[in-house]
């Protein structure tokens, strides 16, 4: 048997062994799924979103199943950055794969302080910024829905860290490419596309919302076509690497995102359905490359052909 295909990719200066990442919010703090497989086999782990102080999140019920999807209104519940560094990071340091922290805040200053604290900590390879959070200084409007505020947050985080900065975009905007270009101009090294779509569900018996928060974020296979389209649009709009996520359930889903130009993918809701999904995707990508005589996964990134036009290796130009 010949050499196995090279699945390693570069996302914003961070070299990872394969393009499969565990998405924030679905992999806990990195130790919840260790009974199923060795997380060192993943390209990277993105831990549950962290804030300056512990957050209890929204009251239950805060998760509802929908046809082909999941609505969640967890409310970004987390233990806070200090407890994470003291209680969770030591064990994460034993995992031989990069750990990426997802951060959020309700003011620009909170984002900046989070970046400053993380900069002083060993064992964190990169920062992913969640800009789908309400900006309390602007009456609750999400940072990610306005290009100026999205750029402002990105700039402050970049100023306060030397680690690669990834910005996770919200799909709940008129034109996601405007936000993408804004955060790229502000110094982001990569972009994650896309976060959840806003939705709701109603209990017809009680005539009440099924979520205590009324609205929540829709994820899962139902949003994959939308997420794939948004990744395609952002890849066309920016020069920095794009990480695709949204409804990825198997290796063929992952390949679709890579073909349209995503440099890596994140597995989210699928972790809650089949905890071994990420491992199955890595195996599936390896087998696909062997069957197709592809020696390096980068050969499949950005090869989408539209209207007879060959876009091969467009992703490679964005290293």
Protein backbone atom coordinates (compact mmCIF):
# COMPACT_ATOMS: atom_id res chain seq x y z
CA UNK A 1 0.00 0.00 0.00
CA UNK A 2 1.32 3.44 -0.93
CA UNK A 3 1.60 6.48 1.28
CA UNK A 4 -1.62 7.86 2.70
CA UNK A 5 -2.84 11.17 1.25
CA UNK A 6 -1.72 14.36 3.00
CA UNK A 7 -4.78 15.89 4.66
CA UNK A 8 -2.96 18.79 6.31
CA UNK A 9 -4.12 22.34 5.63
CA UNK A 10 -3.20 25.86 6.68
CA UNK A 11 -5.81 28.18 8.15
CA UNK A 12 -4.52 31.66 8.83
CA UNK A 13 -1.01 30.53 9.70
CA UNK A 14 -2.18 27.60 11.81
CA UNK A 15 -1.10 24.30 10.28
CA UNK A 16 -3.41 21.41 11.18
CA UNK A 17 -3.12 17.69 10.40
CA UNK A 18 -6.50 17.45 8.66
CA UNK A 19 -9.33 19.85 7.79
CA UNK A 20 -11.83 18.48 10.33
CA UNK A 21 -12.49 20.64 13.39
CA UNK A 22 -14.91 20.18 16.28
CA UNK A 23 -17.25 23.18 16.27
CA UNK A 24 -17.69 25.39 19.31
CA UNK A 25 -20.67 24.57 21.48
CA UNK A 26 -20.94 20.93 20.40
CA UNK A 27 -17.69 19.53 21.79
CA UNK A 28 -17.83 21.01 25.29
CA UNK A 29 -14.43 21.86 26.69
CA UNK A 30 -12.67 19.07 24.81
CA UNK A 31 -13.02 16.15 27.20
CA UNK A 32 -16.66 15.11 26.85
CA UNK A 33 -16.17 12.80 23.85
CA UNK A 34 -12.86 11.20 24.83
CA UNK A 35 -14.72 7.96 25.62
CA UNK A 36 -15.54 7.64 21.91
CA UNK A 37 -12.17 8.46 20.29
CA UNK A 38 -8.85 10.20 20.78
CA UNK A 39 -9.46 13.92 20.07
CA UNK A 40 -5.79 14.21 19.07
CA UNK A 41 -6.89 12.77 15.73
CA UNK A 42 -8.90 15.90 14.95
CA UNK A 43 -7.46 18.79 12.98
CA UNK A 44 -8.32 21.09 15.89
CA UNK A 45 -10.78 21.52 18.74
CA UNK A 46 -12.82 24.69 19.16
CA UNK A 47 -14.05 24.83 22.74
CA UNK A 48 -17.38 26.10 24.00
CA UNK A 49 -17.73 29.89 23.75
CA UNK A 50 -16.07 31.71 26.63
CA UNK A 51 -16.77 35.06 28.26
CA UNK A 52 -14.98 37.14 30.89
CA UNK A 53 -17.27 35.93 33.65
CA UNK A 54 -19.32 32.73 34.07
CA UNK A 55 -22.69 32.84 32.33
CA UNK A 56 -25.71 30.69 33.34
CA UNK A 57 -27.33 30.97 29.92
CA UNK A 58 -31.04 30.97 29.17
CA UNK A 59 -33.68 29.10 31.21
CA UNK A 60 -34.96 25.76 29.88
CA UNK A 61 -36.35 24.50 27.65
CA UNK A 62 -33.51 25.64 25.42
CA UNK A 63 -33.15 22.88 22.81
CA UNK A 64 -35.85 21.76 20.36
CA UNK A 65 -35.57 19.25 17.55
CA UNK A 66 -36.95 20.33 14.17
CA UNK A 67 -37.26 18.46 10.88
CA UNK A 68 -33.64 17.89 9.77
CA UNK A 69 -32.34 20.32 12.36
CA UNK A 70 -31.99 21.61 15.87
CA UNK A 71 -33.05 24.88 17.49
CA UNK A 72 -30.97 25.97 20.45
CA UNK A 73 -31.16 28.92 22.78
CA UNK A 74 -28.44 27.91 25.23
CA UNK A 75 -27.59 31.54 25.78
CA UNK A 76 -23.81 31.03 25.63
CA UNK A 77 -23.69 29.41 29.06
CA UNK A 78 -20.07 28.87 30.10
CA UNK A 79 -17.69 28.71 33.07
CA UNK A 80 -15.77 31.89 32.19
CA UNK A 81 -12.20 32.36 31.03
CA UNK A 82 -10.56 32.08 34.47
CA UNK A 83 -12.17 28.74 35.33
CA UNK A 84 -11.43 27.46 31.83
CA UNK A 85 -7.71 28.26 32.15
CA UNK A 86 -7.48 26.79 35.65
CA UNK A 87 -9.75 23.75 35.35
CA UNK A 88 -9.97 22.72 31.69
CA UNK A 89 -6.83 23.85 29.89
CA UNK A 90 -4.38 21.60 31.81
CA UNK A 91 -6.07 18.44 30.50
CA UNK A 92 -6.51 19.96 27.03
CA UNK A 93 -2.75 20.50 26.95
CA UNK A 94 -2.30 16.71 26.87
CA UNK A 95 -4.27 16.45 23.62
CA UNK A 96 -1.92 16.53 20.65
CA UNK A 97 -3.98 18.82 18.47
CA UNK A 98 -4.46 22.61 18.43
CA UNK A 99 -6.99 24.08 20.85
CA UNK A 100 -8.91 27.12 19.60
CA UNK A 101 -10.91 29.28 21.99
CA UNK A 102 -14.21 30.73 20.86
CA UNK A 103 -14.82 34.05 22.63
CA UNK A 104 -17.64 36.54 22.91
CA UNK A 105 -18.47 39.76 24.71
CA UNK A 106 -21.20 42.36 24.98
CA UNK A 107 -18.88 45.32 24.46
CA UNK A 108 -15.81 45.90 22.32
CA UNK A 109 -13.78 46.27 25.51
CA UNK A 110 -14.81 42.80 26.68
CA UNK A 111 -13.57 41.25 23.45
CA UNK A 112 -10.28 43.11 23.79
CA UNK A 113 -9.82 41.98 27.39
CA UNK A 114 -10.56 38.37 26.48
CA UNK A 115 -7.90 38.48 23.76
CA UNK A 116 -5.42 40.05 26.15
CA UNK A 117 -5.98 37.32 28.76
CA UNK A 118 -5.71 34.51 26.21
CA UNK A 119 -2.48 35.99 24.82
CA UNK A 120 -0.82 35.32 28.19
CA UNK A 121 -1.85 31.64 28.23
CA UNK A 122 0.11 28.75 26.75
CA UNK A 123 -1.77 25.91 25.10
CA UNK A 124 -4.20 28.00 23.03
CA UNK A 125 -3.36 27.97 19.34
CA UNK A 126 -5.86 30.49 17.95
CA UNK A 127 -8.93 32.56 18.75
CA UNK A 128 -12.32 32.31 17.05
CA UNK A 129 -14.50 35.39 17.60
CA UNK A 130 -18.25 34.94 17.89
CA UNK A 131 -19.72 38.21 16.62
CA UNK A 132 -23.33 37.01 16.70
CA UNK A 133 -23.64 38.42 20.24
CA UNK A 134 -25.76 41.43 21.24
CA UNK A 135 -23.87 44.71 21.48
CA UNK A 136 -25.26 46.28 24.65
CA UNK A 137 -23.86 49.67 23.65
CA UNK A 138 -26.03 49.61 20.52
CA UNK A 139 -29.29 48.47 22.04
CA UNK A 140 -28.75 44.74 21.54
CA UNK A 141 -27.90 44.72 17.82
CA UNK A 142 -25.52 41.85 17.09
CA UNK A 143 -21.92 42.88 16.38
CA UNK A 144 -21.87 40.73 13.28
CA UNK A 145 -24.77 42.45 11.53
CA UNK A 146 -22.91 45.73 11.01
CA UNK A 147 -19.61 45.91 9.10
CA UNK A 148 -18.23 48.77 11.21
CA UNK A 149 -18.83 47.08 14.57
CA UNK A 150 -17.66 43.71 13.21
CA UNK A 151 -14.44 45.36 12.05
CA UNK A 152 -14.04 47.19 15.35
CA UNK A 153 -14.25 43.97 17.37
CA UNK A 154 -11.85 42.20 15.01
CA UNK A 155 -9.36 45.04 15.16
CA UNK A 156 -9.38 45.11 18.97
CA UNK A 157 -8.83 41.36 19.23
CA UNK A 158 -6.04 41.41 16.64
CA UNK A 159 -4.35 44.29 18.49
CA UNK A 160 -4.30 42.29 21.72
CA UNK A 161 -2.99 38.94 20.52
CA UNK A 162 -0.30 37.39 18.35
CA UNK A 163 -2.37 34.24 17.86
CA UNK A 164 -4.27 33.67 14.60
CA UNK A 165 -7.71 35.31 14.73
CA UNK A 166 -10.71 33.62 13.09
CA UNK A 167 -14.01 35.50 12.87
CA UNK A 168 -17.23 33.46 12.92
CA UNK A 169 -19.87 35.20 10.84
CA UNK A 170 -23.62 35.27 11.33
CA UNK A 171 -25.85 34.39 8.35
CA UNK A 172 -28.57 36.72 9.63
CA UNK A 173 -27.56 39.63 7.40
CA UNK A 174 -28.53 40.94 3.99
CA UNK A 175 -25.07 40.52 2.43
CA UNK A 176 -22.53 38.39 4.30
CA UNK A 177 -19.72 39.38 1.93
CA UNK A 178 -19.78 42.97 3.22
CA UNK A 179 -19.13 41.72 6.76
CA UNK A 180 -16.49 39.27 5.49
CA UNK A 181 -14.53 41.99 3.72
CA UNK A 182 -14.82 44.26 6.76
CA UNK A 183 -13.26 41.74 9.16
CA UNK A 184 -10.61 40.82 6.59
CA UNK A 185 -9.63 44.48 6.31
CA UNK A 186 -9.50 44.67 10.13
CA UNK A 187 -6.87 41.94 10.27
CA UNK A 188 -8.69 38.62 10.60
CA UNK A 189 -6.54 35.70 9.45
CA UNK A 190 -9.49 33.41 8.65
CA UNK A 191 -13.29 33.38 8.63
CA UNK A 192 -15.76 30.72 9.82
CA UNK A 193 -19.00 30.53 7.81
CA UNK A 194 -21.65 30.15 9.11
CA UNK A 195 -23.22 30.46 12.54
CA UNK A 196 -26.85 29.43 13.16
CA UNK A 197 -29.90 30.95 11.48
CA UNK A 198 -32.59 32.53 13.64
CA UNK A 199 -35.75 30.47 14.03
CA UNK A 200 -38.53 29.45 16.38
CA UNK A 201 -41.00 26.65 17.10
CA UNK A 202 -44.47 26.76 18.65
CA UNK A 203 -46.31 24.18 20.78
CA UNK A 204 -49.77 24.07 19.23
CA UNK A 205 -51.32 22.54 22.36
CA UNK A 206 -50.18 25.30 24.71
CA UNK A 207 -49.95 28.07 22.07
CA UNK A 208 -46.56 28.93 23.51
CA UNK A 209 -43.03 28.97 22.08
CA UNK A 210 -41.19 25.69 22.56
CA UNK A 211 -38.09 27.62 23.62
CA UNK A 212 -38.20 29.67 26.80
CA UNK A 213 -36.20 32.30 24.94
CA UNK A 214 -38.83 32.25 22.13
CA UNK A 215 -36.21 32.34 19.35
CA UNK A 216 -33.11 30.23 18.87
CA UNK A 217 -30.41 29.29 16.41
CA UNK A 218 -31.19 26.68 13.75
CA UNK A 219 -28.42 24.22 12.89
CA UNK A 220 -28.13 20.78 11.32
CA UNK A 221 -28.73 19.36 7.83
CA UNK A 222 -31.63 21.77 7.20
CA UNK A 223 -29.23 24.69 6.84
CA UNK A 224 -26.48 22.98 4.81
CA UNK A 225 -27.53 24.35 1.37
CA UNK A 226 -27.64 27.87 2.81
CA UNK A 227 -24.30 27.46 4.58
CA UNK A 228 -22.69 26.05 1.43
CA UNK A 229 -23.96 29.01 -0.61
CA UNK A 230 -22.64 31.49 1.97
CA UNK A 231 -19.23 29.81 2.03
CA UNK A 232 -19.10 30.02 -1.76
CA UNK A 233 -19.96 33.73 -1.65
CA UNK A 234 -17.38 34.52 1.04
CA UNK A 235 -14.64 32.52 -0.69
CA UNK A 236 -15.24 34.63 -3.79
CA UNK A 237 -15.16 37.85 -1.76
CA UNK A 238 -12.02 37.51 0.39
CA UNK A 239 -8.43 36.36 0.11
CA UNK A 240 -8.07 34.83 3.59
CA UNK A 241 -8.97 31.17 4.31
CA UNK A 242 -12.59 30.27 4.97
CA UNK A 243 -13.71 27.49 7.32
CA UNK A 244 -17.08 26.02 6.40
CA UNK A 245 -19.76 24.77 8.75
CA UNK A 246 -23.48 24.22 8.83
CA UNK A 247 -25.18 20.84 8.61
CA UNK A 248 -22.12 18.74 7.80
CA UNK A 249 -23.05 15.12 8.60
CA UNK A 250 -20.61 13.00 6.57
CA UNK A 251 -17.50 13.15 4.39
CA UNK A 252 -19.48 13.97 1.24
CA UNK A 253 -20.94 17.03 2.96
CA UNK A 254 -17.41 18.00 3.98
CA UNK A 255 -16.20 17.56 0.40
CA UNK A 256 -18.90 19.91 -0.90
CA UNK A 257 -17.58 22.68 1.36
CA UNK A 258 -13.97 21.97 0.37
CA UNK A 259 -14.83 21.95 -3.33
CA UNK A 260 -16.48 25.39 -3.12
CA UNK A 261 -13.32 26.69 -1.47
CA UNK A 262 -13.46 26.13 2.29
CA UNK A 263 -9.98 25.32 3.57
CA UNK A 264 -11.35 23.37 6.53
CA UNK A 265 -14.73 22.37 7.97
CA UNK A 266 -16.33 22.20 11.40
CA UNK A 267 -18.55 19.40 12.68
CA UNK A 268 -21.25 20.72 14.99
CA UNK A 269 -24.77 19.35 15.43
CA UNK A 270 -23.68 15.96 14.06
CA UNK A 271 -21.64 15.47 17.24
CA UNK A 272 -24.91 15.39 19.19
CA UNK A 273 -26.38 12.74 16.89
CA UNK A 274 -23.35 10.52 16.29
CA UNK A 275 -20.31 11.35 18.45
CA UNK A 276 -18.04 9.51 15.98
CA UNK A 277 -19.01 11.72 13.02
CA UNK A 278 -15.72 13.65 12.91
CA UNK A 279 -13.68 10.45 12.83
CA UNK A 280 -15.89 9.00 10.11
CA UNK A 281 -15.41 12.16 8.05
CA UNK A 282 -11.61 11.97 8.38
CA UNK A 283 -11.70 8.31 7.29
CA UNK A 284 -14.07 9.15 4.45
CA UNK A 285 -11.85 11.97 3.16
CA UNK A 286 -8.82 9.67 3.28
CA UNK A 287 -10.61 6.91 1.36
CA UNK A 288 -11.97 9.40 -1.19
CA UNK A 289 -8.49 10.76 -1.89
CA UNK A 290 -7.14 7.24 -2.34
CA UNK A 291 -9.94 6.33 -4.75
CA UNK A 292 -9.51 9.54 -6.72
CA UNK A 293 -5.69 9.30 -6.73
CA UNK A 294 -5.42 12.59 -4.82
CA UNK A 295 -2.17 12.81 -2.90
CA UNK A 296 -2.94 16.08 -1.10
CA UNK A 297 -6.32 17.32 0.14
CA UNK A 298 -5.49 20.82 -1.12
CA UNK A 299 -5.92 19.47 -4.65
CA UNK A 300 -9.69 19.31 -4.06
CA UNK A 301 -10.06 22.70 -2.35
CA UNK A 302 -11.64 25.37 -4.54
CA UNK A 303 -12.07 23.23 -7.66
CA UNK A 304 -15.70 24.16 -8.19
CA UNK A 305 -16.58 24.61 -11.87
CA UNK A 306 -19.41 26.98 -12.76
CA UNK A 307 -20.58 27.82 -16.28
CA UNK A 308 -17.72 25.80 -17.66
CA UNK A 309 -15.15 27.93 -15.86
CA UNK A 310 -12.41 26.06 -14.02
CA UNK A 311 -11.76 27.45 -10.54
CA UNK A 312 -9.11 24.87 -9.69
CA UNK A 313 -6.73 25.75 -6.89
CA UNK A 314 -8.45 29.03 -6.12
CA UNK A 315 -8.21 28.01 -2.47
CA UNK A 316 -4.44 27.44 -2.80
CA UNK A 317 -3.98 31.09 -3.74
CA UNK A 318 -5.38 32.03 -0.34
CA UNK A 319 -2.70 30.36 1.75
